[in-house]
Protein backbone atom coordinates (compact mmCIF):
# COMPACT_ATOMS: atom_id res chain seq x y z
CA UNK A 1 0.00 0.00 0.00
CA UNK A 2 1.31 3.44 -0.91
CA UNK A 3 2.62 5.38 2.10
CA UNK A 4 0.96 8.72 2.77
CA UNK A 5 3.14 11.30 4.55
CA UNK A 6 0.05 12.70 6.25
CA UNK A 7 -0.41 9.49 8.24
CA UNK A 8 2.47 10.22 10.57
CA UNK A 9 0.48 13.05 12.16
CA UNK A 10 -2.58 10.93 12.83
CA UNK A 11 -6.09 11.66 11.46
CA UNK A 12 -7.27 13.87 14.32
CA UNK A 13 -4.14 16.00 14.31
CA UNK A 14 -4.37 16.36 10.52
CA UNK A 15 -7.87 17.78 10.82
CA UNK A 16 -6.82 20.14 13.61
CA UNK A 17 -3.78 21.33 11.67
CA UNK A 18 -5.71 21.94 8.48
CA UNK A 19 -8.27 23.93 10.42
CA UNK A 20 -5.56 25.99 12.05
CA UNK A 21 -3.78 26.55 8.76
CA UNK A 22 -6.79 27.69 6.81
CA UNK A 23 -8.32 29.65 9.66
CA UNK A 24 -5.31 31.34 11.21
CA UNK A 25 -2.30 31.13 8.94
CA UNK A 26 -4.02 30.65 5.58
CA UNK A 27 -3.28 34.21 4.45
CA UNK A 28 0.08 34.55 6.11
CA UNK A 29 -1.03 37.49 8.20
CA UNK A 30 -3.20 38.41 11.15
CA UNK A 31 -3.54 37.13 14.68
CA UNK A 32 -5.98 34.65 16.13
CA UNK A 33 -8.26 36.34 18.69
CA UNK A 34 -8.38 35.18 22.31
CA UNK A 35 -5.37 32.88 22.09
CA UNK A 36 -2.82 32.72 24.90
CA UNK A 37 0.92 33.09 24.12
CA UNK A 38 1.66 29.44 24.97
CA UNK A 39 -1.23 28.32 22.77
CA UNK A 40 0.06 30.47 19.94
CA UNK A 41 3.50 28.87 20.21
CA UNK A 42 1.96 25.40 20.22
CA UNK A 43 -0.08 26.23 17.13
CA UNK A 44 2.95 27.61 15.33
CA UNK A 45 5.00 24.51 16.19
CA UNK A 46 2.26 22.18 15.00
CA UNK A 47 1.82 24.27 11.86
CA UNK A 48 5.48 23.71 11.00
CA UNK A 49 5.02 19.97 11.61
CA UNK A 50 1.96 20.02 9.38
CA UNK A 51 3.83 21.70 6.56
CA UNK A 52 6.72 19.26 6.97
CA UNK A 53 4.23 16.42 6.55
CA UNK A 54 2.59 17.73 3.39
CA UNK A 55 5.74 19.11 1.77
CA UNK A 56 6.66 15.77 0.10
CA UNK A 57 3.17 15.64 -1.41
CA UNK A 58 3.37 19.14 -2.89
CA UNK A 59 6.85 18.50 -4.34
CA UNK A 60 5.32 16.74 -7.33
CA UNK A 61 4.06 20.09 -8.65
CA UNK A 62 6.65 22.60 -7.38
CA UNK A 63 8.71 22.45 -10.58
CA UNK A 64 5.51 22.92 -12.61
CA UNK A 65 4.46 26.07 -10.74
CA UNK A 66 5.80 29.50 -11.71
CA UNK A 67 5.41 33.14 -10.82
CA UNK A 68 4.03 35.34 -13.61
CA UNK A 69 5.63 38.78 -13.59
CA UNK A 70 3.95 41.76 -15.24
CA UNK A 71 3.46 45.49 -14.94
CA UNK A 72 -0.27 46.04 -14.39
CA UNK A 73 0.07 49.65 -13.29
CA UNK A 74 2.14 49.39 -10.12
CA UNK A 75 5.50 48.44 -11.56
CA UNK A 76 6.71 45.04 -12.64
CA UNK A 77 6.10 42.44 -9.97
CA UNK A 78 4.79 38.89 -9.50
CA UNK A 79 1.03 39.15 -9.95
CA UNK A 80 -0.18 35.55 -10.08
CA UNK A 81 0.92 31.90 -10.27
CA UNK A 82 1.04 29.85 -13.46
CA UNK A 83 0.83 26.13 -14.24
CA UNK A 84 3.29 24.65 -16.76
CA UNK A 85 1.69 22.39 -19.39
CA UNK A 86 2.44 20.68 -22.72
CA UNK A 87 6.12 20.16 -23.42
CA UNK A 88 7.14 22.66 -20.75
CA UNK A 89 7.07 25.70 -23.02
CA UNK A 90 3.50 26.75 -22.21
CA UNK A 91 1.80 28.04 -19.08
CA UNK A 92 -1.82 28.46 -18.03
CA UNK A 93 -2.46 31.44 -15.76
CA UNK A 94 -5.29 33.71 -14.66
CA UNK A 95 -6.16 36.01 -17.58
CA UNK A 96 -7.81 38.88 -15.70
CA UNK A 97 -4.66 39.47 -13.64
CA UNK A 98 -2.48 40.07 -16.72
CA UNK A 99 -5.04 41.34 -19.25
CA UNK A 100 -3.89 44.95 -18.92
CA UNK A 101 -0.19 44.21 -18.55
CA UNK A 102 2.19 46.82 -19.95
CA UNK A 103 5.28 45.64 -21.76
CA UNK A 104 6.79 42.19 -21.44
CA UNK A 105 5.47 39.33 -19.34
CA UNK A 106 7.91 36.91 -17.72
CA UNK A 107 7.60 33.67 -15.81
CA UNK A 108 10.00 32.73 -13.02
CA UNK A 109 10.43 29.33 -11.43
CA UNK A 110 11.29 28.61 -7.84
CA UNK A 111 14.93 28.09 -8.77
CA UNK A 112 15.09 31.49 -10.47
CA UNK A 113 14.83 30.17 -14.04
CA UNK A 114 13.24 32.92 -16.14
CA UNK A 115 11.49 32.89 -19.51
CA UNK A 116 9.88 35.55 -21.67
CA UNK A 117 6.16 34.97 -22.21
CA UNK A 118 3.58 36.05 -24.76
CA UNK A 119 -0.16 35.47 -24.64
CA UNK A 120 -0.95 32.79 -27.22
CA UNK A 121 -4.67 32.66 -26.48
CA UNK A 122 -7.38 33.15 -23.90
CA UNK A 123 -10.05 30.80 -22.56
CA UNK A 124 -12.43 33.58 -21.61
CA UNK A 125 -15.10 31.59 -19.75
CA UNK A 126 -12.49 30.00 -17.49
CA UNK A 127 -10.48 33.24 -17.14
CA UNK A 128 -7.33 31.41 -18.24
CA UNK A 129 -4.58 32.73 -20.49
CA UNK A 130 -2.27 30.41 -22.43
CA UNK A 131 1.29 31.72 -22.42
CA UNK A 132 4.02 30.67 -24.85
CA UNK A 133 7.53 30.73 -23.34
CA UNK A 134 10.87 31.59 -24.89
CA UNK A 135 14.30 31.20 -23.31
CA UNK A 136 13.57 28.35 -20.91
CA UNK A 137 11.47 25.25 -20.40
CA UNK A 138 9.96 23.91 -17.21
CA UNK A 139 8.59 20.57 -16.07
CA UNK A 140 5.00 20.20 -17.30
CA UNK A 141 2.28 19.20 -14.85
CA UNK A 142 0.44 15.89 -15.19
CA UNK A 143 -3.30 16.35 -14.71
CA UNK A 144 -5.18 13.57 -12.97
CA UNK A 145 -7.77 11.72 -15.04
CA UNK A 146 -9.73 10.68 -11.94
CA UNK A 147 -13.10 12.07 -10.88
CA UNK A 148 -12.94 15.48 -9.14
CA UNK A 149 -12.47 15.18 -5.36
CA UNK A 150 -15.60 15.11 -3.22
CA UNK A 151 -16.67 17.11 -0.20
CA UNK A 152 -14.26 16.86 2.72
CA UNK A 153 -11.23 15.79 0.69
CA UNK A 154 -8.00 17.60 1.52
CA UNK A 155 -6.41 19.82 -1.13
CA UNK A 156 -2.97 21.42 -1.35
CA UNK A 157 -2.26 24.49 -3.47
CA UNK A 158 1.30 24.27 -4.79
CA UNK A 159 3.70 27.19 -5.04
CA UNK A 160 6.99 27.73 -6.90
CA UNK A 161 8.93 26.95 -3.73
CA UNK A 162 8.79 24.07 -1.26
CA UNK A 163 6.17 25.62 1.01
CA UNK A 164 2.59 25.08 -0.24
CA UNK A 165 0.57 28.22 -0.89
CA UNK A 166 -2.43 26.98 1.06
CA UNK A 167 -4.25 23.92 2.39
CA UNK A 168 -7.96 23.25 2.72
CA UNK A 169 -10.81 20.88 2.02
CA UNK A 170 -13.48 20.60 -0.66
CA UNK A 171 -16.57 22.47 0.51
CA UNK A 172 -18.82 22.09 -2.57
CA UNK A 173 -18.41 19.52 -5.34
CA UNK A 174 -17.97 20.39 -9.00
CA UNK A 175 -20.64 22.76 -10.31
CA UNK A 176 -21.23 25.59 -12.77
CA UNK A 177 -21.20 29.25 -11.74
CA UNK A 178 -22.57 30.56 -15.03
CA UNK A 179 -25.78 32.53 -14.65
CA UNK A 180 -27.51 30.52 -17.35
CA UNK A 181 -26.80 27.29 -15.45
CA UNK A 182 -28.15 28.58 -12.14
CA UNK A 183 -31.71 28.33 -10.99
CA UNK A 184 -33.72 31.58 -11.02
CA UNK A 185 -36.16 32.16 -8.17
CA UNK A 186 -37.55 35.46 -9.44
CA UNK A 187 -37.30 37.76 -6.43
CA UNK A 188 -35.69 41.17 -6.12
CA UNK A 189 -34.10 41.61 -2.70
CA UNK A 190 -33.71 44.54 -0.35
CA UNK A 191 -30.03 45.36 0.20
CA UNK A 192 -30.91 47.77 3.04
CA UNK A 193 -32.73 45.20 5.17
CA UNK A 194 -30.83 44.76 8.45
CA UNK A 195 -33.04 42.35 10.34
CA UNK A 196 -33.26 38.59 10.27
CA UNK A 197 -33.25 36.90 6.86
CA UNK A 198 -33.54 38.69 3.50
CA UNK A 199 -36.51 40.85 2.54
CA UNK A 200 -38.26 40.60 -0.84
CA UNK A 201 -38.71 43.90 -2.69
CA UNK A 202 -40.50 42.45 -5.69
CA UNK A 203 -41.52 39.21 -7.40
CA UNK A 204 -41.32 38.67 -11.16
CA UNK A 205 -44.56 37.63 -12.77
CA UNK A 206 -44.53 34.01 -13.89
CA UNK A 207 -41.47 33.11 -11.82
CA UNK A 208 -41.12 30.20 -9.41
CA UNK A 209 -41.42 32.61 -6.49
CA UNK A 210 -44.63 34.05 -7.87
CA UNK A 211 -46.13 30.62 -8.51
CA UNK A 212 -45.28 29.61 -4.94
CA UNK A 213 -47.12 32.65 -3.56
CA UNK A 214 -44.18 34.71 -2.30
CA UNK A 215 -44.87 38.45 -2.14
CA UNK A 216 -43.18 41.79 -1.66
CA UNK A 217 -42.38 42.26 2.02
CA UNK A 218 -41.91 38.56 2.79
CA UNK A 219 -38.68 37.79 4.63
CA UNK A 220 -36.90 34.60 3.59
CA UNK A 221 -35.39 32.77 6.55
CA UNK A 222 -34.09 29.54 5.02
CA UNK A 223 -33.78 27.57 1.81
CA UNK A 224 -33.78 23.82 2.25
CA UNK A 225 -31.92 23.18 5.49
CA UNK A 226 -29.72 26.28 5.22
CA UNK A 227 -30.44 29.43 7.20
CA UNK A 228 -30.32 32.65 5.17
CA UNK A 229 -28.95 35.71 6.91
CA UNK A 230 -27.65 37.88 4.08
CA UNK A 231 -27.81 38.50 0.34
CA UNK A 232 -24.50 36.68 -0.01
CA UNK A 233 -25.82 33.57 1.74
CA UNK A 234 -28.91 33.71 -0.48
CA UNK A 235 -26.80 33.92 -3.63
CA UNK A 236 -24.42 31.11 -2.68
CA UNK A 237 -27.29 28.87 -1.60
CA UNK A 238 -29.21 29.33 -4.86
CA UNK A 239 -25.99 28.62 -6.77
CA UNK A 240 -26.31 24.98 -5.68
CA UNK A 241 -29.56 24.61 -7.63
CA UNK A 242 -30.31 24.65 -11.34
CA UNK A 243 -33.37 25.39 -13.50
CA UNK A 244 -36.12 22.87 -12.79
CA UNK A 245 -35.01 22.16 -9.22
CA UNK A 246 -37.54 22.53 -6.43
CA UNK A 247 -36.62 23.88 -3.04
CA UNK A 248 -38.36 24.47 0.25
CA UNK A 249 -38.45 28.06 1.49
CA UNK A 250 -39.27 29.18 5.02
CA UNK A 251 -40.33 32.82 5.32
CA UNK A 252 -42.07 35.36 7.55
CA UNK A 253 -45.12 37.40 6.47
CA UNK A 254 -46.70 39.90 8.86
CA UNK A 255 -44.94 38.25 11.79
CA UNK A 256 -46.14 34.73 10.97
CA UNK A 257 -43.75 32.03 9.74
CA UNK A 258 -44.78 29.83 6.82
CA UNK A 259 -43.24 27.52 4.25
CA UNK A 260 -43.62 26.97 0.51
CA UNK A 261 -42.01 24.90 -2.21
CA UNK A 262 -40.79 26.81 -5.26
CA UNK A 263 -39.59 25.50 -8.62
CA UNK A 264 -36.66 27.38 -10.10
CA UNK A 265 -36.73 28.63 -13.66
CA UNK A 266 -34.14 29.97 -16.08
CA UNK A 267 -32.38 33.25 -15.50
CA UNK A 268 -34.25 36.40 -16.50
CA UNK A 269 -31.94 38.93 -18.15
CA UNK A 270 -34.09 41.89 -17.16
CA UNK A 271 -34.75 40.99 -13.53
CA UNK A 272 -31.60 41.15 -11.37
CA UNK A 273 -32.15 39.33 -8.08
CA UNK A 274 -29.12 40.64 -6.23
CA UNK A 275 -27.85 44.24 -6.04
CA UNK A 276 -24.37 43.88 -7.52
CA UNK A 277 -22.83 46.76 -5.56
CA UNK A 278 -23.74 45.19 -2.21
CA UNK A 279 -22.50 41.77 -3.28
CA UNK A 280 -19.14 43.21 -4.32
CA UNK A 281 -18.85 44.90 -0.95
CA UNK A 282 -19.74 41.73 0.93
CA UNK A 283 -17.25 39.66 -1.07
CA UNK A 284 -14.47 42.11 -0.17
CA UNK A 285 -15.09 42.01 3.57
CA UNK A 286 -12.00 40.60 5.31
CA UNK A 287 -10.12 39.74 2.13
CA UNK A 288 -9.02 40.84 -1.34
CA UNK A 289 -11.05 38.80 -3.86
CA UNK A 290 -9.88 38.07 -7.37
CA UNK A 291 -10.84 40.50 -10.13
CA UNK A 292 -12.86 37.70 -11.74
CA UNK A 293 -14.37 35.30 -9.22
CA UNK A 294 -17.63 34.16 -10.79
CA UNK A 295 -19.18 32.82 -13.98
CA UNK A 296 -16.94 29.77 -14.38
CA UNK A 297 -18.52 26.81 -16.22
CA UNK A 298 -16.96 24.21 -13.90
CA UNK A 299 -15.36 24.69 -10.47
CA UNK A 300 -14.80 22.99 -7.15
CA UNK A 301 -15.30 25.21 -4.11
CA UNK A 302 -12.74 24.95 -1.32
CA UNK A 303 -12.32 26.62 2.06
CA UNK A 304 -8.70 27.43 1.14
CA UNK A 305 -7.90 31.06 1.89
CA UNK A 306 -5.67 31.67 -1.10
CA UNK A 307 -4.22 35.09 -1.59
CA UNK A 308 -5.32 36.67 -4.84
CA UNK A 309 -1.82 36.56 -6.34
CA UNK A 310 -1.49 32.87 -5.42
CA UNK A 311 -4.22 31.77 -7.83
CA UNK A 312 -3.36 30.11 -11.15
CA UNK A 313 -1.23 27.29 -9.80
CA UNK A 314 -1.82 23.52 -9.60
CA UNK A 315 -3.86 21.97 -6.77
CA UNK A 316 -3.10 18.46 -5.50
CA UNK A 317 -4.80 15.82 -3.38
CA UNK A 318 -3.00 13.96 -0.59
CA UNK A 319 -1.71 11.36 -3.05
CA UNK A 320 0.15 14.06 -4.96
CA UNK A 321 -2.18 13.94 -7.96
CA UNK A 322 -2.94 17.27 -9.67
CA UNK A 323 -6.71 17.62 -9.43
CA UNK A 324 -7.03 21.12 -10.89
CA UNK A 325 -5.88 24.73 -11.09
CA UNK A 326 -6.81 27.37 -8.50
CA UNK A 327 -8.69 30.08 -10.38
CA UNK A 328 -10.10 32.59 -7.89
CA UNK A 329 -10.35 33.81 -4.33
CA UNK A 330 -14.09 34.33 -3.93
CA UNK A 331 -14.53 35.77 -0.45
CA UNK A 332 -13.21 35.49 3.10
CA UNK A 333 -13.85 31.76 3.36
CA UNK A 334 -13.74 30.26 -0.12
CA UNK A 335 -11.66 29.80 -3.26
CA UNK A 336 -12.47 28.13 -6.57
CA UNK A 337 -10.57 25.42 -8.45
CA UNK A 338 -11.08 24.33 -12.07
CA UNK A 339 -10.96 20.52 -11.98
CA UNK A 340 -8.44 18.62 -14.10
CA UNK A 341 -11.00 17.07 -16.42
CA UNK A 342 -12.33 20.54 -17.28
CA UNK A 343 -8.75 21.71 -17.98
CA UNK A 344 -8.19 18.71 -20.25
CA UNK A 345 -11.39 19.51 -22.14
CA UNK A 346 -10.65 23.21 -22.64
CA UNK A 347 -7.19 22.46 -24.02
CA UNK A 348 -8.92 20.67 -26.90
CA UNK A 349 -10.65 23.93 -27.87
CA UNK A 350 -9.26 26.85 -29.81
CA UNK A 351 -8.76 29.83 -27.48
CA UNK A 352 -9.69 33.40 -28.28
CA UNK A 353 -6.98 35.74 -29.49
CA UNK A 354 -5.83 38.37 -27.02
CA UNK A 355 -7.57 41.06 -29.07
CA UNK A 356 -10.87 39.16 -29.02
CA UNK A 357 -10.57 38.62 -25.28
CA UNK A 358 -9.90 42.30 -24.63
CA UNK A 359 -12.99 43.21 -26.63
CA UNK A 360 -15.00 40.93 -24.34
CA UNK A 361 -13.54 42.78 -21.36
CA UNK A 362 -14.53 46.12 -22.91
CA UNK A 363 -18.07 44.87 -23.46
CA UNK A 364 -18.28 43.63 -19.87
CA UNK A 365 -17.05 47.03 -18.69
CA UNK A 366 -19.80 48.74 -20.66
CA UNK A 367 -22.36 46.37 -19.15
CA UNK A 368 -21.10 47.15 -15.64
CA UNK A 369 -21.40 50.88 -16.31
CA UNK A 370 -24.96 50.49 -17.53
CA UNK A 371 -25.85 48.35 -14.51
CA UNK A 372 -24.29 50.92 -12.18
CA UNK A 373 -26.31 53.68 -13.84
CA UNK A 374 -29.48 51.65 -13.44
CA UNK A 375 -28.76 50.97 -9.78
CA UNK A 376 -28.02 54.63 -9.13
CA UNK A 377 -31.24 55.61 -10.90
CA UNK A 378 -33.21 53.10 -8.82
CA UNK A 379 -31.79 54.71 -5.69
CA UNK A 380 -32.68 58.20 -6.90
CA UNK A 381 -29.04 59.16 -7.43
CA UNK A 382 -28.83 58.93 -11.18
CA UNK A 383 -29.27 62.60 -12.05
CA UNK A 384 -26.03 64.63 -11.91
CA UNK A 385 -26.10 67.79 -9.85
CA UNK A 386 -24.79 71.11 -11.18
CA UNK A 387 -21.74 72.51 -9.42
CA UNK A 388 -20.73 76.17 -9.77
CA UNK A 389 -17.18 76.81 -10.97
CA UNK A 390 -15.02 79.89 -10.95
CA UNK A 391 -14.94 82.00 -14.13
CA UNK A 392 -12.11 80.98 -16.44
CA UNK A 393 -11.65 77.54 -14.89
CA UNK A 394 -13.75 75.54 -17.37
CA UNK A 395 -10.79 74.42 -19.49
CA UNK A 396 -8.76 73.42 -16.44
CA UNK A 397 -11.70 71.48 -15.08
CA UNK A 398 -12.21 69.74 -18.42
CA UNK A 399 -8.57 68.57 -18.51
CA UNK A 400 -8.77 67.46 -14.92
CA UNK A 401 -11.90 65.42 -15.58
CA UNK A 402 -10.30 63.77 -18.62
CA UNK A 403 -7.29 62.80 -16.53
CA UNK A 404 -9.55 61.44 -13.79
CA UNK A 405 -11.57 59.47 -16.33
CA UNK A 406 -8.43 57.82 -17.69
CA UNK A 407 -7.32 57.01 -14.17
CA UNK A 408 -10.69 55.57 -13.23
CA UNK A 409 -10.77 53.49 -16.41
CA UNK A 410 -7.46 51.95 -15.44
CA UNK A 411 -8.58 51.32 -11.91
CA UNK A 412 -11.82 49.69 -13.03
CA UNK A 413 -9.92 47.35 -15.30
CA UNK A 414 -7.28 46.34 -12.82
CA UNK A 415 -8.43 47.09 -9.28
CA UNK A 416 -12.18 46.48 -9.21
CA UNK A 417 -13.43 45.24 -5.87
CA UNK A 418 -10.01 45.62 -4.25
CA UNK A 419 -9.81 47.25 -0.85
CA UNK A 420 -6.09 47.88 -0.86
């Protein structure tokens, strides 16, 4: 039987260490509240032991993991990980992190080996860029052909050096995050509600919510066996269901609790359920999420607390098999991984050119602007207010506004949702 380095710690200790790693040291910063100095030392010692135990497992992908260096507006620096594929002269990395790179892109291995890189193509739906390397070759990764790991399985995010980037467990099995694959309930929710549950502002005619009898003013308390306490919890819960699924909803109307069963439909383009501005704010609480962290056609959700610039690298199971590529930090408690079989499938497709992919980004930016205008109008803030200016300052103000617009354009492209 194959020896597993994790066994020397014992199953209970392994669980404890993984919990400590992902909860306390997962981001490499911060202090655990209400922990005594001697307890902190014990945790740190056991954390080192934990890393020593999993280091042999992660070694199988260290040589296949690289830093991607680019200048995205703050000088040239490592911005994301990459996964070496093919014959060692190609790398898959997170597209949105390098889409607006200025000048040359480079990849650097853990041993300092450096290669020049150019974007050969883009897999837009998966937010992956395919880089072609010149000047050096690396060891390509071997993707597992097994089924994606199930809930509770341990995962290790590799890094270019011997220390893994992060450790965690599978929280939700493989699923789609595309809007068209998600079930649509048909309610518009109140982002200003501060009480228990989430309050319904409106119900779309002909939707599953309408057919079930839900009304404006109802407060949803739970879906299935999951309590709902925020818009974010509502969104993530509904993401587990698809069109045609039925779910039980517990709600409050005029102080009286009741329950209904609603059948989900297909997404309505003209009826947004969740205020996007509030969701972006909630995702950013306590962390720095990835620029693109949604809409993937196939992902595994993990409780790994990956840093944003540590996405793009290979993820392994405890047997050292590469089960996917980390693609996004979603929020304070979750990250997404594209499973190996989805990576294998996409590599059989022709990617978009970089120009085509940038046009998609421009279109998405226009859509976001229109949505922001609609939200501002709904809140009664859409109409600009006149501001008096000093005589003779119109031209100076015009130039200033043009400069600010260019700056804001850059920030929207590269720094959206970042609280740095």
